[in-house]
Amino acid sequence: MTERVDALWQDIVGPVLGAHTSVRSVRDGVCTVVVDGPAWATQLRYLAGELVARATEALGTTVVREVRVVVAGP
């Protein structure tokens, strides 16, 4: 399932967020996303509910029920 979400990620988040984020995994409805900085993590967390709805629309099913954000290390 990770591959499907990853393939549609740019459509789900848009080009700006897509340039700073990537899907690490999708397990048990939790989509773990890696961001390249704390500011992007805050933005993604703020939009989490909307991103779940967009993912459901893009995938045609409720695969993603939660978005977990991880900031990439140095």
PDB file of N, CA and C in Angstrom:
ATOM      1  N   MET A   1       0.807  -1.197   0.000  1.00  0.00           N
ATOM      2  CA  MET A   1       0.000   0.000   0.000  1.00  0.00           C
ATOM      3  C   MET A   1       0.853   1.265   0.000  1.00  0.00           C
ATOM      4  N   THR A   2       2.038   1.171   0.588  1.00  0.00           N
ATOM      5  CA  THR A   2       2.927   2.330   0.620  1.00  0.00           C
ATOM      6  C   THR A   2       3.201   2.850  -0.788  1.00  0.00           C
ATOM      7  N   GLU A   3       3.390   1.923  -1.728  1.00  0.00           N
ATOM      8  CA  GLU A   3       3.700   2.314  -3.105  1.00  0.00           C
ATOM      9  C   GLU A   3       2.558   3.117  -3.728  1.00  0.00           C
ATOM     10  N   ARG A   4       1.315   2.706  -3.467  1.00  0.00           N
ATOM     11  CA  ARG A   4       0.160   3.433  -4.020  1.00  0.00           C
ATOM     12  C   ARG A   4       0.078   4.847  -3.466  1.00  0.00           C
ATOM     13  N   VAL A   5       0.247   4.976  -2.160  1.00  0.00           N
ATOM     14  CA  VAL A   5       0.187   6.299  -1.538  1.00  0.00           C
ATOM     15  C   VAL A   5       1.352   7.152  -2.034  1.00  0.00           C
ATOM     16  N   ASP A   6       2.537   6.564  -2.098  1.00  0.00           N
ATOM     17  CA  ASP A   6       3.717   7.292  -2.564  1.00  0.00           C
ATOM     18  C   ASP A   6       3.538   7.779  -4.001  1.00  0.00           C
ATOM     19  N   ALA A   7       2.953   6.941  -4.844  1.00  0.00           N
ATOM     20  CA  ALA A   7       2.755   7.315  -6.243  1.00  0.00           C
ATOM     21  C   ALA A   7       1.799   8.500  -6.388  1.00  0.00           C
ATOM     22  N   LEU A   8       0.872   8.640  -5.463  1.00  0.00           N
ATOM     23  CA  LEU A   8      -0.111   9.729  -5.521  1.00  0.00           C
ATOM     24  C   LEU A   8       0.207  10.882  -4.576  1.00  0.00           C
ATOM     25  N   TRP A   9       1.327  10.788  -3.862  1.00  0.00           N
ATOM     26  CA  TRP A   9       1.642  11.764  -2.820  1.00  0.00           C
ATOM     27  C   TRP A   9       1.649  13.204  -3.328  1.00  0.00           C
ATOM     28  N   GLN A  10       2.254  13.451  -4.470  1.00  0.00           N
ATOM     29  CA  GLN A  10       2.300  14.819  -5.019  1.00  0.00           C
ATOM     30  C   GLN A  10       0.899  15.357  -5.267  1.00  0.00           C
ATOM     31  N   ASP A  11      -0.016  14.499  -5.732  1.00  0.00           N
ATOM     32  CA  ASP A  11      -1.398  14.918  -5.965  1.00  0.00           C
ATOM     33  C   ASP A  11      -2.110  15.201  -4.641  1.00  0.00           C
ATOM     34  N   ILE A  12      -1.776  14.431  -3.609  1.00  0.00           N
ATOM     35  CA  ILE A  12      -2.426  14.571  -2.314  1.00  0.00           C
ATOM     36  C   ILE A  12      -1.986  15.852  -1.607  1.00  0.00           C
ATOM     37  N   VAL A  13      -0.667  16.115  -1.593  1.00  0.00           N
ATOM     38  CA  VAL A  13      -0.161  17.259  -0.828  1.00  0.00           C
ATOM     39  C   VAL A  13       0.130  18.497  -1.660  1.00  0.00           C
ATOM     40  N   GLY A  14       0.249  18.340  -2.965  1.00  0.00           N
ATOM     41  CA  GLY A  14       0.587  19.467  -3.829  1.00  0.00           C
ATOM     42  C   GLY A  14       2.094  19.592  -3.997  1.00  0.00           C
ATOM     43  N   PRO A  15       2.528  20.415  -4.957  1.00  0.00           N
ATOM     44  CA  PRO A  15       3.946  20.484  -5.302  1.00  0.00           C
ATOM     45  C   PRO A  15       4.849  21.083  -4.231  1.00  0.00           C
ATOM     46  N   VAL A  16       4.355  22.051  -3.481  1.00  0.00           N
ATOM     47  CA  VAL A  16       5.210  22.696  -2.476  1.00  0.00           C
ATOM     48  C   VAL A  16       5.506  21.732  -1.333  1.00  0.00           C
ATOM     49  N   LEU A  17       4.465  21.188  -0.707  1.00  0.00           N
ATOM     50  CA  LEU A  17       4.684  20.216   0.366  1.00  0.00           C
ATOM     51  C   LEU A  17       5.360  18.952  -0.169  1.00  0.00           C
ATOM     52  N   GLY A  18       5.016  18.576  -1.380  1.00  0.00           N
ATOM     53  CA  GLY A  18       5.616  17.387  -1.980  1.00  0.00           C
ATOM     54  C   GLY A  18       7.120  17.491  -2.140  1.00  0.00           C
ATOM     55  N   ALA A  19       7.615  18.711  -2.317  1.00  0.00           N
ATOM     56  CA  ALA A  19       9.060  18.920  -2.461  1.00  0.00           C
ATOM     57  C   ALA A  19       9.800  18.750  -1.140  1.00  0.00           C
ATOM     58  N   HIS A  20       9.078  18.792  -0.024  1.00  0.00           N
ATOM     59  CA  HIS A  20       9.710  18.738   1.293  1.00  0.00           C
ATOM     60  C   HIS A  20       9.304  17.519   2.116  1.00  0.00           C
ATOM     61  N   THR A  21       8.508  16.635   1.510  1.00  0.00           N
ATOM     62  CA  THR A  21       8.003  15.467   2.232  1.00  0.00           C
ATOM     63  C   THR A  21       8.104  14.215   1.384  1.00  0.00           C
ATOM     64  N   SER A  22       8.134  13.063   2.053  1.00  0.00           N
ATOM     65  CA  SER A  22       8.057  11.785   1.339  1.00  0.00           C
ATOM     66  C   SER A  22       7.412  10.749   2.250  1.00  0.00           C
ATOM     67  N   VAL A  23       6.749   9.792   1.633  1.00  0.00           N
ATOM     68  CA  VAL A  23       6.069   8.733   2.372  1.00  0.00           C
ATOM     69  C   VAL A  23       7.098   7.682   2.770  1.00  0.00           C
ATOM     70  N   ARG A  24       7.183   7.409   4.059  1.00  0.00           N
ATOM     71  CA  ARG A  24       8.080   6.354   4.547  1.00  0.00           C
ATOM     72  C   ARG A  24       7.365   5.012   4.558  1.00  0.00           C
ATOM     73  N   SER A  25       6.123   5.007   5.066  1.00  0.00           N
ATOM     74  CA  SER A  25       5.381   3.749   5.138  1.00  0.00           C
ATOM     75  C   SER A  25       3.905   4.017   5.367  1.00  0.00           C
ATOM     76  N   VAL A  26       3.102   2.996   5.078  1.00  0.00           N
ATOM     77  CA  VAL A  26       1.685   2.998   5.419  1.00  0.00           C
ATOM     78  C   VAL A  26       1.410   1.647   6.055  1.00  0.00           C
ATOM     79  N   ARG A  27       1.071   1.675   7.343  1.00  0.00           N
ATOM     80  CA  ARG A  27       0.798   0.443   8.085  1.00  0.00           C
ATOM     81  C   ARG A  27      -0.396   0.658   8.997  1.00  0.00           C
ATOM     82  N   ASP A  28      -1.344  -0.256   8.917  1.00  0.00           N
ATOM     83  CA  ASP A  28      -2.521  -0.209   9.792  1.00  0.00           C
ATOM     84  C   ASP A  28      -3.205   1.156   9.776  1.00  0.00           C
ATOM     85  N   GLY A  29      -3.264   1.771   8.596  1.00  0.00           N
ATOM     86  CA  GLY A  29      -3.940   3.049   8.452  1.00  0.00           C
ATOM     87  C   GLY A  29      -3.124   4.266   8.816  1.00  0.00           C
ATOM     88  N   VAL A  30      -1.890   4.048   9.273  1.00  0.00           N
ATOM     89  CA  VAL A  30      -1.023   5.165   9.662  1.00  0.00           C
ATOM     90  C   VAL A  30      -0.004   5.405   8.549  1.00  0.00           C
ATOM     91  N   CYS A  31      -0.050   6.590   7.975  1.00  0.00           N
ATOM     92  CA  CYS A  31       0.905   6.987   6.938  1.00  0.00           C
ATOM     93  C   CYS A  31       2.014   7.793   7.619  1.00  0.00           C
ATOM     94  N   THR A  32       3.213   7.238   7.629  1.00  0.00           N
ATOM     95  CA  THR A  32       4.357   7.935   8.210  1.00  0.00           C
ATOM     96  C   THR A  32       5.056   8.709   7.104  1.00  0.00           C
ATOM     97  N   VAL A  33       5.218   9.998   7.338  1.00  0.00           N
ATOM     98  CA  VAL A  33       5.778  10.905   6.343  1.00  0.00           C
ATOM     99  C   VAL A  33       7.035  11.547   6.905  1.00  0.00           C
ATOM    100  N   VAL A  34       8.091  11.577   6.100  1.00  0.00           N
ATOM    101  CA  VAL A  34       9.349  12.215   6.483  1.00  0.00           C
ATOM    102  C   VAL A  34       9.370  13.607   5.874  1.00  0.00           C
ATOM    103  N   VAL A  35       9.711  14.595   6.705  1.00  0.00           N
ATOM    104  CA  VAL A  35       9.824  15.982   6.233  1.00  0.00           C
ATOM    105  C   VAL A  35      11.264  16.451   6.421  1.00  0.00           C
ATOM    106  N   ASP A  36      11.649  17.464   5.652  1.00  0.00           N
ATOM    107  CA  ASP A  36      13.046  17.907   5.703  1.00  0.00           C
ATOM    108  C   ASP A  36      13.299  19.067   6.663  1.00  0.00           C
ATOM    109  N   GLY A  37      12.332  19.381   7.518  1.00  0.00           N
ATOM    110  CA  GLY A  37      12.551  20.433   8.503  1.00  0.00           C
ATOM    111  C   GLY A  37      11.367  20.581   9.431  1.00  0.00           C
ATOM    112  N   PRO A  38      11.606  21.148  10.617  1.00  0.00           N
ATOM    113  CA  PRO A  38      10.538  21.298  11.606  1.00  0.00           C
ATOM    114  C   PRO A  38       9.375  22.177  11.143  1.00  0.00           C
ATOM    115  N   ALA A  39       9.659  23.194  10.363  1.00  0.00           N
ATOM    116  CA  ALA A  39       8.575  24.061   9.887  1.00  0.00           C
ATOM    117  C   ALA A  39       7.613  23.286   8.994  1.00  0.00           C
ATOM    118  N   TRP A  40       8.150  22.410   8.155  1.00  0.00           N
ATOM    119  CA  TRP A  40       7.309  21.587   7.289  1.00  0.00           C
ATOM    120  C   TRP A  40       6.536  20.559   8.112  1.00  0.00           C
ATOM    121  N   ALA A  41       7.140  20.074   9.190  1.00  0.00           N
ATOM    122  CA  ALA A  41       6.446  19.140  10.081  1.00  0.00           C
ATOM    123  C   ALA A  41       5.220  19.819  10.688  1.00  0.00           C
ATOM    124  N   THR A  42       5.374  21.050  11.129  1.00  0.00           N
ATOM    125  CA  THR A  42       4.256  21.795  11.703  1.00  0.00           C
ATOM    126  C   THR A  42       3.150  21.974  10.676  1.00  0.00           C
ATOM    127  N   GLN A  43       3.522  22.345   9.477  1.00  0.00           N
ATOM    128  CA  GLN A  43       2.545  22.543   8.405  1.00  0.00           C
ATOM    129  C   GLN A  43       1.787  21.252   8.119  1.00  0.00           C
ATOM    130  N   LEU A  44       2.519  20.148   8.022  1.00  0.00           N
ATOM    131  CA  LEU A  44       1.897  18.867   7.709  1.00  0.00           C
ATOM    132  C   LEU A  44       0.971  18.413   8.839  1.00  0.00           C
ATOM    133  N   ARG A  45       1.396  18.608  10.071  1.00  0.00           N
ATOM    134  CA  ARG A  45       0.546  18.239  11.213  1.00  0.00           C
ATOM    135  C   ARG A  45      -0.738  19.061  11.218  1.00  0.00           C
ATOM    136  N   TYR A  46      -0.629  20.314  10.877  1.00  0.00           N
ATOM    137  CA  TYR A  46      -1.798  21.189  10.818  1.00  0.00           C
ATOM    138  C   TYR A  46      -2.803  20.709   9.766  1.00  0.00           C
ATOM    139  N   LEU A  47      -2.276  20.189   8.657  1.00  0.00           N
ATOM    140  CA  LEU A  47      -3.115  19.746   7.543  1.00  0.00           C
ATOM    141  C   LEU A  47      -3.481  18.271   7.603  1.00  0.00           C
ATOM    142  N   ALA A  48      -3.112  17.562   8.644  1.00  0.00           N
ATOM    143  CA  ALA A  48      -3.262  16.105   8.703  1.00  0.00           C
ATOM    144  C   ALA A  48      -4.679  15.635   8.380  1.00  0.00           C
ATOM    145  N   GLY A  49      -5.679  16.229   8.972  1.00  0.00           N
ATOM    146  CA  GLY A  49      -7.060  15.817   8.712  1.00  0.00           C
ATOM    147  C   GLY A  49      -7.454  15.988   7.256  1.00  0.00           C
ATOM    148  N   GLU A  50      -7.050  17.110   6.692  1.00  0.00           N
ATOM    149  CA  GLU A  50      -7.340  17.361   5.272  1.00  0.00           C
ATOM    150  C   GLU A  50      -6.589  16.374   4.379  1.00  0.00           C
ATOM    151  N   LEU A  51      -5.363  16.031   4.749  1.00  0.00           N
ATOM    152  CA  LEU A  51      -4.579  15.090   3.948  1.00  0.00           C
ATOM    153  C   LEU A  51      -5.176  13.689   3.977  1.00  0.00           C
ATOM    154  N   VAL A  52      -5.740  13.301   5.114  1.00  0.00           N
ATOM    155  CA  VAL A  52      -6.430  12.008   5.194  1.00  0.00           C
ATOM    156  C   VAL A  52      -7.608  12.004   4.216  1.00  0.00           C
ATOM    157  N   ALA A  53      -8.367  13.076   4.187  1.00  0.00           N
ATOM    158  CA  ALA A  53      -9.508  13.173   3.272  1.00  0.00           C
ATOM    159  C   ALA A  53      -9.045  13.153   1.813  1.00  0.00           C
ATOM    160  N   ARG A  54      -7.976  13.868   1.508  1.00  0.00           N
ATOM    161  CA  ARG A  54      -7.452  13.887   0.131  1.00  0.00           C
ATOM    162  C   ARG A  54      -6.931  12.515  -0.277  1.00  0.00           C
ATOM    163  N   ALA A  55      -6.274  11.821   0.645  1.00  0.00           N
ATOM    164  CA  ALA A  55      -5.761  10.482   0.347  1.00  0.00           C
ATOM    165  C   ALA A  55      -6.916   9.533   0.067  1.00  0.00           C
ATOM    166  N   THR A  56      -7.966   9.624   0.852  1.00  0.00           N
ATOM    167  CA  THR A  56      -9.141   8.776   0.638  1.00  0.00           C
ATOM    168  C   THR A  56      -9.749   9.043  -0.725  1.00  0.00           C
ATOM    169  N   GLU A  57      -9.836  10.309  -1.081  1.00  0.00           N
ATOM    170  CA  GLU A  57     -10.377  10.672  -2.399  1.00  0.00           C
ATOM    171  C   GLU A  57      -9.476  10.168  -3.522  1.00  0.00           C
ATOM    172  N   ALA A  58      -8.183  10.362  -3.396  1.00  0.00           N
ATOM    173  CA  ALA A  58      -7.238   9.964  -4.450  1.00  0.00           C
ATOM    174  C   ALA A  58      -7.172   8.443  -4.609  1.00  0.00           C
ATOM    175  N   LEU A  59      -7.249   7.721  -3.495  1.00  0.00           N
ATOM    176  CA  LEU A  59      -7.129   6.265  -3.540  1.00  0.00           C
ATOM    177  C   LEU A  59      -8.466   5.565  -3.739  1.00  0.00           C
ATOM    178  N   GLY A  60      -9.562   6.271  -3.494  1.00  0.00           N
ATOM    179  CA  GLY A  60     -10.874   5.676  -3.645  1.00  0.00           C
ATOM    180  C   GLY A  60     -11.273   4.773  -2.487  1.00  0.00           C
ATOM    181  N   THR A  61     -10.496   4.781  -1.422  1.00  0.00           N
ATOM    182  CA  THR A  61     -10.776   3.969  -0.243  1.00  0.00           C
ATOM    183  C   THR A  61     -10.050   4.571   0.956  1.00  0.00           C
ATOM    184  N   THR A  62     -10.492   4.207   2.146  1.00  0.00           N
ATOM    185  CA  THR A  62      -9.869   4.734   3.352  1.00  0.00           C
ATOM    186  C   THR A  62      -8.687   3.868   3.750  1.00  0.00           C
ATOM    187  N   VAL A  63      -7.560   4.119   3.132  1.00  0.00           N
ATOM    188  CA  VAL A  63      -6.319   3.411   3.444  1.00  0.00           C
ATOM    189  C   VAL A  63      -5.571   4.164   4.538  1.00  0.00           C
ATOM    190  N   VAL A  64      -5.608   5.489   4.455  1.00  0.00           N
ATOM    191  CA  VAL A  64      -4.915   6.350   5.417  1.00  0.00           C
ATOM    192  C   VAL A  64      -5.944   6.918   6.391  1.00  0.00           C
ATOM    193  N   ARG A  65      -5.774   6.600   7.671  1.00  0.00           N
ATOM    194  CA  ARG A  65      -6.662   7.130   8.704  1.00  0.00           C
ATOM    195  C   ARG A  65      -5.943   8.144   9.595  1.00  0.00           C
ATOM    196  N   GLU A  66      -4.614   8.155   9.500  1.00  0.00           N
ATOM    197  CA  GLU A  66      -3.806   9.050  10.346  1.00  0.00           C
ATOM    198  C   GLU A  66      -2.505   9.362   9.620  1.00  0.00           C
ATOM    199  N   VAL A  67      -2.007  10.575   9.822  1.00  0.00           N
ATOM    200  CA  VAL A  67      -0.713  10.966   9.276  1.00  0.00           C
ATOM    201  C   VAL A  67       0.236  11.202  10.435  1.00  0.00           C
ATOM    202  N   ARG A  68       1.348  10.474  10.430  1.00  0.00           N
ATOM    203  CA  ARG A  68       2.394  10.646  11.452  1.00  0.00           C
ATOM    204  C   ARG A  68       3.576  11.314  10.764  1.00  0.00           C
ATOM    205  N   VAL A  69       4.116  12.346  11.379  1.00  0.00           N
ATOM    206  CA  VAL A  69       5.191  13.145  10.781  1.00  0.00           C
ATOM    207  C   VAL A  69       6.494  12.917  11.527  1.00  0.00           C
ATOM    208  N   VAL A  70       7.565  12.687  10.757  1.00  0.00           N
ATOM    209  CA  VAL A  70       8.908  12.488  11.312  1.00  0.00           C
ATOM    210  C   VAL A  70       9.839  13.472  10.604  1.00  0.00           C
ATOM    211  N   VAL A  71      10.631  14.208  11.374  1.00  0.00           N
ATOM    212  CA  VAL A  71      11.588  15.131  10.782  1.00  0.00           C
ATOM    213  C   VAL A  71      12.874  14.366  10.479  1.00  0.00           C
ATOM    214  N   ALA A  72      13.365  14.506   9.250  1.00  0.00           N
ATOM    215  CA  ALA A  72      14.588  13.824   8.841  1.00  0.00           C
ATOM    216  C   ALA A  72      15.774  14.328   9.663  1.00  0.00           C
ATOM    217  N   GLY A  73      16.665  13.412  10.010  1.00  0.00           N
ATOM    218  CA  GLY A  73      17.856  13.788  10.766  1.00  0.00           C
ATOM    219  C   GLY A  73      18.886  14.475   9.905  1.00  0.00           C
ATOM    220  N   PRO A  74      19.891  15.044  10.532  1.00  0.00           N
ATOM    221  CA  PRO A  74      20.928  15.783   9.784  1.00  0.00           C
ATOM    222  C   PRO A  74      21.792  14.875   8.931  1.00  0.00           C
TER     223      PRO A  74
END
